[in-house]
């Protein structure tokens, strides 16, 4: 299955029997993000959390306490 990263627009090939490929086929609302973009977004999010100005807008206080 050919998929396109939503951030960098590169095309990747996924095996058809992967659970991710099935999820993308059956539920079009799900999007694909390549590993490089996923790592970049994760690193930038951790940097923003470390500044102290990042605020979670979630209803779960347990999730906020873990950070």
N, C-alpha and C. Protein backbone atom coordinates (compact mmCIF):
# COMPACT_ATOMS: atom_id res chain seq x y z
N UNK A 1 0.85 -1.17 0.00
CA UNK A 1 0.00 0.00 0.00
C UNK A 1 0.90 1.23 0.00
N UNK A 2 0.61 2.15 -0.87
CA UNK A 2 1.38 3.40 -0.93
C UNK A 2 0.68 4.43 -0.05
N UNK A 3 1.47 5.08 0.81
CA UNK A 3 0.95 6.11 1.71
C UNK A 3 1.82 7.35 1.59
N UNK A 4 1.23 8.48 1.91
CA UNK A 4 1.92 9.76 1.80
C UNK A 4 1.95 10.41 3.18
N UNK A 5 3.10 10.88 3.60
CA UNK A 5 3.25 11.56 4.89
C UNK A 5 2.51 12.90 4.82
N UNK A 6 1.78 13.22 5.87
CA UNK A 6 0.98 14.43 5.86
C UNK A 6 1.83 15.68 6.06
N UNK A 7 3.06 15.55 6.54
CA UNK A 7 3.91 16.71 6.79
C UNK A 7 4.88 16.95 5.64
N UNK A 8 5.66 15.92 5.28
CA UNK A 8 6.72 16.14 4.29
C UNK A 8 6.32 15.68 2.88
N UNK A 9 5.15 15.09 2.71
CA UNK A 9 4.62 14.66 1.41
C UNK A 9 5.49 13.63 0.69
N UNK A 10 6.28 12.86 1.43
CA UNK A 10 7.02 11.78 0.80
C UNK A 10 6.12 10.55 0.75
N UNK A 11 6.32 9.75 -0.27
CA UNK A 11 5.51 8.55 -0.47
C UNK A 11 6.30 7.35 0.04
N UNK A 12 5.64 6.54 0.86
CA UNK A 12 6.24 5.34 1.44
C UNK A 12 5.41 4.13 1.05
N UNK A 13 6.03 2.98 1.11
CA UNK A 13 5.35 1.73 0.78
C UNK A 13 5.17 0.92 2.07
N UNK A 14 3.92 0.58 2.39
CA UNK A 14 3.61 -0.24 3.55
C UNK A 14 3.12 -1.60 3.07
N UNK A 15 3.54 -2.67 3.75
CA UNK A 15 2.97 -3.98 3.41
C UNK A 15 1.48 -4.01 3.70
N UNK A 16 0.71 -4.68 2.86
CA UNK A 16 -0.74 -4.69 3.00
C UNK A 16 -1.22 -5.40 4.25
N UNK A 17 -0.42 -6.27 4.83
CA UNK A 17 -0.87 -7.03 5.98
C UNK A 17 -0.57 -6.36 7.32
N UNK A 18 0.01 -5.18 7.33
CA UNK A 18 0.26 -4.45 8.58
C UNK A 18 -1.05 -3.92 9.15
N UNK A 19 -1.16 -3.89 10.48
CA UNK A 19 -2.36 -3.30 11.08
C UNK A 19 -2.54 -1.81 10.73
N UNK A 20 -1.43 -1.09 10.60
CA UNK A 20 -1.51 0.32 10.22
C UNK A 20 -2.11 0.48 8.82
N UNK A 21 -1.74 -0.38 7.90
CA UNK A 21 -2.29 -0.31 6.54
C UNK A 21 -3.79 -0.57 6.55
N UNK A 22 -4.21 -1.54 7.36
CA UNK A 22 -5.64 -1.83 7.45
C UNK A 22 -6.39 -0.65 8.06
N UNK A 23 -5.80 -0.02 9.08
CA UNK A 23 -6.45 1.14 9.71
C UNK A 23 -6.59 2.29 8.71
N UNK A 24 -5.56 2.51 7.90
CA UNK A 24 -5.62 3.59 6.93
C UNK A 24 -6.63 3.31 5.82
N UNK A 25 -6.77 2.05 5.45
CA UNK A 25 -7.74 1.68 4.41
C UNK A 25 -9.18 1.82 4.91
N UNK A 26 -9.44 1.34 6.11
CA UNK A 26 -10.81 1.25 6.60
C UNK A 26 -11.32 2.54 7.25
N UNK A 27 -10.42 3.37 7.73
CA UNK A 27 -10.84 4.61 8.38
C UNK A 27 -10.08 5.78 7.76
N UNK A 28 -10.67 6.45 6.80
CA UNK A 28 -9.95 7.51 6.08
C UNK A 28 -9.60 8.72 6.93
N UNK A 29 -10.14 8.85 8.13
CA UNK A 29 -9.81 9.98 8.98
C UNK A 29 -8.40 9.85 9.54
N UNK A 30 -7.88 8.62 9.63
CA UNK A 30 -6.53 8.41 10.13
C UNK A 30 -5.53 8.83 9.07
N UNK A 31 -4.45 9.45 9.51
CA UNK A 31 -3.43 9.92 8.59
C UNK A 31 -2.11 9.25 8.90
N UNK A 32 -1.21 9.27 7.94
CA UNK A 32 0.11 8.64 8.08
C UNK A 32 1.17 9.71 8.26
N UNK A 33 2.07 9.48 9.22
CA UNK A 33 3.21 10.36 9.41
C UNK A 33 4.46 9.47 9.43
N UNK A 34 5.46 9.80 8.62
CA UNK A 34 6.66 8.97 8.52
C UNK A 34 7.46 9.05 9.83
N UNK A 35 8.40 8.14 9.98
CA UNK A 35 9.18 8.07 11.22
C UNK A 35 10.01 9.32 11.46
N UNK A 36 10.60 9.88 10.40
CA UNK A 36 11.42 11.08 10.56
C UNK A 36 10.60 12.26 11.06
N UNK A 37 9.43 12.45 10.50
CA UNK A 37 8.56 13.54 10.94
C UNK A 37 8.04 13.29 12.35
N UNK A 38 7.74 12.06 12.67
CA UNK A 38 7.26 11.72 14.00
C UNK A 38 8.32 12.03 15.05
N UNK A 39 9.58 11.68 14.78
CA UNK A 39 10.67 11.97 15.71
C UNK A 39 10.87 13.49 15.84
N UNK A 40 10.80 14.19 14.73
CA UNK A 40 10.98 15.64 14.76
C UNK A 40 9.89 16.33 15.57
N UNK A 41 8.65 15.93 15.39
CA UNK A 41 7.54 16.51 16.14
C UNK A 41 7.67 16.18 17.62
N UNK A 42 8.06 14.96 17.94
CA UNK A 42 8.25 14.55 19.34
C UNK A 42 9.35 15.36 20.00
N UNK A 43 10.48 15.53 19.34
CA UNK A 43 11.58 16.31 19.90
C UNK A 43 11.17 17.76 20.13
N UNK A 44 10.50 18.36 19.16
CA UNK A 44 10.07 19.75 19.32
C UNK A 44 9.06 19.90 20.45
N UNK A 45 8.19 18.92 20.63
CA UNK A 45 7.21 18.98 21.71
C UNK A 45 7.91 18.89 23.05
N UNK A 46 8.90 18.01 23.18
CA UNK A 46 9.64 17.89 24.44
C UNK A 46 10.41 19.18 24.74
N UNK A 47 10.95 19.83 23.73
CA UNK A 47 11.64 21.11 23.94
C UNK A 47 10.67 22.17 24.44
N UNK A 48 9.45 22.19 23.89
CA UNK A 48 8.46 23.17 24.33
C UNK A 48 8.01 22.89 25.76
N UNK A 49 7.90 21.61 26.13
CA UNK A 49 7.52 21.26 27.50
C UNK A 49 8.59 21.73 28.47
N UNK A 50 9.87 21.59 28.11
CA UNK A 50 10.96 21.97 28.98
C UNK A 50 11.05 23.47 29.21
N UNK A 51 10.48 24.29 28.33
CA UNK A 51 10.53 25.74 28.53
C UNK A 51 9.66 26.17 29.70
N UNK A 52 8.66 25.38 30.06
CA UNK A 52 7.78 25.73 31.16
C UNK A 52 6.58 26.54 30.72
N UNK A 53 6.53 26.96 29.48
CA UNK A 53 5.41 27.77 28.98
C UNK A 53 4.37 26.91 28.26
N UNK A 54 4.66 25.64 28.15
CA UNK A 54 3.75 24.72 27.47
C UNK A 54 2.68 24.29 28.45
N UNK A 55 1.43 24.32 28.03
CA UNK A 55 0.33 23.97 28.90
C UNK A 55 -0.59 22.97 28.20
N UNK A 56 -0.88 21.88 28.90
CA UNK A 56 -1.78 20.89 28.35
C UNK A 56 -3.21 21.34 28.60
N UNK A 57 -4.06 21.20 27.62
CA UNK A 57 -5.48 21.49 27.75
C UNK A 57 -6.24 20.19 27.68
N UNK A 58 -6.04 19.36 28.69
CA UNK A 58 -6.69 18.07 28.76
C UNK A 58 -7.52 18.02 30.03
N UNK A 59 -8.51 17.17 30.04
CA UNK A 59 -9.35 17.05 31.22
C UNK A 59 -8.77 16.09 32.25
N UNK A 60 -7.84 15.26 31.85
CA UNK A 60 -7.27 14.27 32.75
C UNK A 60 -6.12 14.88 33.54
N UNK A 61 -6.31 15.08 34.83
CA UNK A 61 -5.25 15.66 35.65
C UNK A 61 -4.13 14.66 35.89
N UNK A 62 -4.42 13.35 35.87
CA UNK A 62 -3.40 12.33 36.03
C UNK A 62 -2.38 12.39 34.89
N UNK A 63 -2.86 12.66 33.68
CA UNK A 63 -1.97 12.77 32.53
C UNK A 63 -1.04 13.97 32.70
N UNK A 64 -1.55 15.09 33.19
CA UNK A 64 -0.74 16.29 33.40
C UNK A 64 0.29 16.09 34.51
N UNK A 65 -0.06 15.32 35.54
CA UNK A 65 0.85 15.10 36.64
C UNK A 65 2.05 14.25 36.23
N UNK A 66 1.87 13.41 35.22
CA UNK A 66 2.98 12.57 34.76
C UNK A 66 4.09 13.39 34.14
N UNK A 67 3.77 14.57 33.64
CA UNK A 67 4.81 15.44 33.08
C UNK A 67 5.26 16.34 34.18
